[in-house]
Amino acid sequence: MNVVLTKLATHTYSDYLKVVRMHAWQRWMSATQLPVVDSFMNGFKFTFQEHPKWTRLEEISSVSGFFEAAPKHPAFPTDQVEDALAAFELWLAVQAPLLFRNDEWILYLTRQPVSWLPSKHGRMLAPSTLWILLKSPFGQYFAEELNRVCKTEMSSRIWQLSVDAYQPTDSSLTAFVGNNNTRLQRRNNLLY
């Protein structure tokens, strides 16, 4: 999988960005469905009353104010931050799978409780844990090496997020909340 992701990032960057955005969507749907553990397909159908299609995902994402209620990073738009976190998680899962699947290693590196988003297939770190890991010395080194070896706009953004001074102030999740299912909002983290 590492080779596939690397080839996508270096040779067909637009396809790589689609994979990253799809992973971001999986993260948002998982957070939306809490505490229910379900597939992306079922979660999307429950939330939007339709089957997911790539054109529909793009259409929803392009709505004005789609990321309005999400936390604001001072240097990057929210969609770029969300995609960078999703990409960091994908790279971590394929380049350091033993670490990614091992809560003890993540706890050791972050010195913080490890929280996961519920997922029917695979594992996804909760945003608070993902941020703390990205900002750790390991995360900074990982991002720096990723940026050195796989020089793309996304890897550069991941590295910049790892070293900048921005720190998220809460452990809430980005999700589709309530009746306003066309925009991402913040919701309390039910994992703690």
Protein backbone atom coordinates (compact mmCIF):
# COMPACT_ATOMS: atom_id res chain seq x y z
CA MET A 1 0.00 0.00 0.00
CA ASN A 2 2.93 2.34 0.70
CA VAL A 3 4.13 1.97 -2.90
CA VAL A 4 0.64 2.65 -4.26
CA LEU A 5 0.21 5.77 -2.13
CA THR A 6 3.69 7.02 -3.06
CA LYS A 7 3.06 6.48 -6.78
CA LEU A 8 -0.27 8.28 -6.55
CA ALA A 9 1.29 11.21 -4.70
CA THR A 10 4.24 11.56 -7.05
CA HIS A 11 2.74 10.59 -10.43
CA THR A 12 -1.02 11.19 -10.33
CA TYR A 13 -1.41 13.90 -7.71
CA SER A 14 -5.10 14.57 -8.48
CA ASP A 15 -5.92 10.91 -7.77
CA TYR A 16 -3.88 11.07 -4.57
CA LEU A 17 -5.90 14.11 -3.46
CA LYS A 18 -9.11 12.16 -4.11
CA VAL A 19 -7.88 9.30 -1.90
CA VAL A 20 -6.98 11.78 0.83
CA ARG A 21 -10.35 13.56 0.60
CA MET A 22 -12.16 10.21 0.63
CA HIS A 23 -10.32 9.33 3.83
CA ALA A 24 -11.31 12.71 5.30
CA TRP A 25 -14.93 11.88 4.40
CA GLN A 26 -14.61 8.52 6.15
CA ARG A 27 -13.34 10.33 9.26
CA TRP A 28 -16.25 12.82 9.16
CA MET A 29 -18.85 10.09 8.69
CA SER A 30 -17.38 8.07 11.56
CA ALA A 31 -17.56 11.13 13.82
CA THR A 32 -21.11 11.82 12.61
CA GLN A 33 -22.31 8.30 13.44
CA LEU A 34 -20.90 8.20 16.98
CA PRO A 35 -21.48 6.13 19.02
CA VAL A 36 -22.71 3.81 16.26
CA VAL A 37 -20.05 1.83 14.41
CA ASP A 38 -21.10 1.45 10.80
CA SER A 39 -19.68 1.47 7.30
CA PHE A 40 -19.06 4.68 5.38
CA MET A 41 -21.73 3.68 2.86
CA ASN A 42 -24.42 3.15 5.51
CA GLY A 43 -23.41 6.28 7.43
CA PHE A 44 -23.58 8.43 4.31
CA LYS A 45 -26.94 6.99 3.32
CA PHE A 46 -28.31 7.57 6.83
CA THR A 47 -26.99 11.16 6.96
CA PHE A 48 -27.79 12.30 3.41
CA GLN A 49 -30.59 9.85 2.43
CA GLU A 50 -28.70 8.85 -0.72
CA HIS A 51 -25.84 6.63 -1.83
CA PRO A 52 -22.42 8.32 -1.96
CA LYS A 53 -21.02 9.18 -5.36
CA TRP A 54 -17.80 11.09 -5.90
CA THR A 55 -19.60 13.89 -7.76
CA ARG A 56 -22.01 14.28 -4.82
CA LEU A 57 -19.14 14.38 -2.31
CA GLU A 58 -17.50 17.14 -4.35
CA GLU A 59 -20.81 18.99 -4.63
CA ILE A 60 -21.40 18.88 -0.86
CA SER A 61 -17.80 19.94 -0.14
CA SER A 62 -18.08 22.93 -2.46
CA VAL A 63 -21.11 24.43 -0.70
CA SER A 64 -20.31 27.88 0.66
CA GLY A 65 -19.55 27.63 4.37
CA PHE A 66 -19.06 23.84 4.28
CA PHE A 67 -16.24 24.12 6.86
CA GLU A 68 -17.65 27.21 8.58
CA ALA A 69 -17.99 25.83 12.11
CA ALA A 70 -14.75 23.86 12.09
CA PRO A 71 -11.80 25.28 14.05
CA LYS A 72 -9.82 27.87 12.14
CA HIS A 73 -6.10 27.49 11.59
CA PRO A 74 -4.32 30.84 11.23
CA ALA A 75 -2.32 29.85 8.13
CA PHE A 76 -4.44 27.30 6.21
CA PRO A 77 -8.09 27.00 5.22
CA THR A 78 -9.95 24.32 7.18
CA ASP A 79 -10.34 21.99 4.18
CA GLN A 80 -6.55 21.95 3.72
CA VAL A 81 -6.02 21.19 7.42
CA GLU A 82 -8.61 18.40 7.42
CA ASP A 83 -7.07 16.89 4.28
CA ALA A 84 -3.54 17.16 5.73
CA LEU A 85 -4.61 15.33 8.90
CA ALA A 86 -6.27 12.63 6.79
CA ALA A 87 -3.13 12.32 4.62
CA PHE A 88 -0.88 12.14 7.71
CA GLU A 89 -3.02 9.32 9.06
CA LEU A 90 -2.88 7.43 5.73
CA TRP A 91 0.91 7.79 5.52
CA LEU A 92 1.30 6.73 9.14
CA ALA A 93 -0.89 3.66 8.57
CA VAL A 94 1.10 2.51 5.53
CA GLN A 95 4.63 3.50 6.58
CA ALA A 96 4.45 2.66 10.29
CA PRO A 97 1.64 0.11 10.58
CA LEU A 98 2.90 -1.49 13.80
CA LEU A 99 3.06 1.88 15.50
CA PHE A 100 -0.31 2.92 14.09
CA ARG A 101 -2.05 -0.20 15.42
CA ASN A 102 -0.32 -0.11 18.80
CA ASP A 103 -1.87 2.19 21.41
CA GLU A 104 1.12 1.70 23.71
CA TRP A 105 3.51 3.21 21.16
CA ILE A 106 1.21 6.15 20.50
CA LEU A 107 0.76 6.67 24.24
CA TYR A 108 4.55 6.58 24.66
CA LEU A 109 5.11 9.12 21.86
CA THR A 110 2.33 11.53 22.88
CA ARG A 111 2.10 11.05 26.64
CA GLN A 112 -1.66 11.41 26.17
CA PRO A 113 -4.62 9.00 26.13
CA VAL A 114 -5.15 7.40 22.74
CA SER A 115 -8.62 7.83 21.25
CA TRP A 116 -9.89 6.27 18.06
CA LEU A 117 -12.86 7.02 15.85
CA PRO A 118 -15.05 3.94 15.60
CA SER A 119 -14.72 2.22 12.26
CA LYS A 120 -16.12 -0.96 10.84
CA HIS A 121 -13.00 -1.45 8.72
CA GLY A 122 -9.60 -0.43 10.04
CA ARG A 123 -8.76 2.18 12.64
CA MET A 124 -8.77 5.97 12.60
CA LEU A 125 -7.24 8.17 15.27
CA ALA A 126 -9.47 10.76 16.90
CA PRO A 127 -8.50 14.28 15.78
CA SER A 128 -7.09 15.24 19.19
CA THR A 129 -4.78 12.20 19.22
CA LEU A 130 -3.80 12.77 15.59
CA TRP A 131 -2.87 16.40 16.31
CA ILE A 132 -0.82 15.48 19.39
CA LEU A 133 1.02 12.77 17.46
CA LEU A 134 1.69 15.11 14.52
CA LYS A 135 3.11 17.75 16.91
CA SER A 136 5.29 15.23 18.81
CA PRO A 137 9.01 14.94 18.00
CA PHE A 138 8.21 11.68 16.19
CA GLY A 139 5.42 13.33 14.17
CA GLN A 140 7.65 16.25 13.23
CA TYR A 141 10.44 13.90 12.11
CA PHE A 142 7.96 11.71 10.22
CA ALA A 143 6.48 14.76 8.46
CA GLU A 144 9.92 16.16 7.66
CA GLU A 145 11.05 12.86 6.10
CA LEU A 146 7.78 12.50 4.20
CA ASN A 147 8.27 16.00 2.81
CA ARG A 148 11.88 15.24 1.88
CA VAL A 149 11.15 11.92 0.16
CA CYS A 150 7.73 12.64 -1.34
CA LYS A 151 7.87 16.32 -2.22
CA THR A 152 4.27 17.42 -2.79
CA GLU A 153 2.13 20.33 -1.69
CA MET A 154 0.34 18.00 0.75
CA SER A 155 3.51 16.64 2.37
CA SER A 156 4.77 20.20 2.72
CA ARG A 157 1.53 21.19 4.45
CA ILE A 158 1.73 18.19 6.79
CA TRP A 159 5.27 19.21 7.75
CA GLN A 160 4.26 22.86 8.23
CA LEU A 161 1.37 21.82 10.49
CA SER A 162 3.72 19.63 12.51
CA VAL A 163 6.10 22.49 13.34
CA ASP A 164 3.88 25.57 13.52
CA ALA A 165 2.72 26.98 16.85
CA TYR A 166 -0.99 26.23 16.33
CA GLN A 167 -2.49 23.92 18.94
CA PRO A 168 -6.14 22.84 18.79
CA THR A 169 -7.89 23.96 21.97
CA ASP A 170 -10.36 21.13 22.41
CA SER A 171 -10.99 17.49 21.61
CA SER A 172 -14.19 17.98 19.63
CA LEU A 173 -14.78 16.24 16.32
CA THR A 174 -15.59 17.55 12.86
CA ALA A 175 -18.92 16.00 11.85
CA PHE A 176 -22.32 16.57 10.28
CA VAL A 177 -24.50 17.53 13.24
CA GLY A 178 -28.27 17.83 13.59
CA ASN A 179 -30.50 19.00 10.78
CA ASN A 180 -27.81 20.98 8.97
CA ASN A 181 -26.27 18.08 7.07
CA THR A 182 -24.69 20.20 4.35
CA ARG A 183 -21.99 21.73 6.56
CA LEU A 184 -19.40 20.30 8.88
CA GLN A 185 -19.70 21.40 12.48
CA ARG A 186 -17.98 20.73 15.78
CA ARG A 187 -19.45 18.10 18.04
CA ASN A 188 -18.44 16.95 21.48
CA ASN A 189 -16.09 14.04 21.58
CA LEU A 190 -18.07 11.15 23.03
CA LEU A 191 -14.95 9.00 23.25
CA TYR A 192 -13.91 10.31 26.68
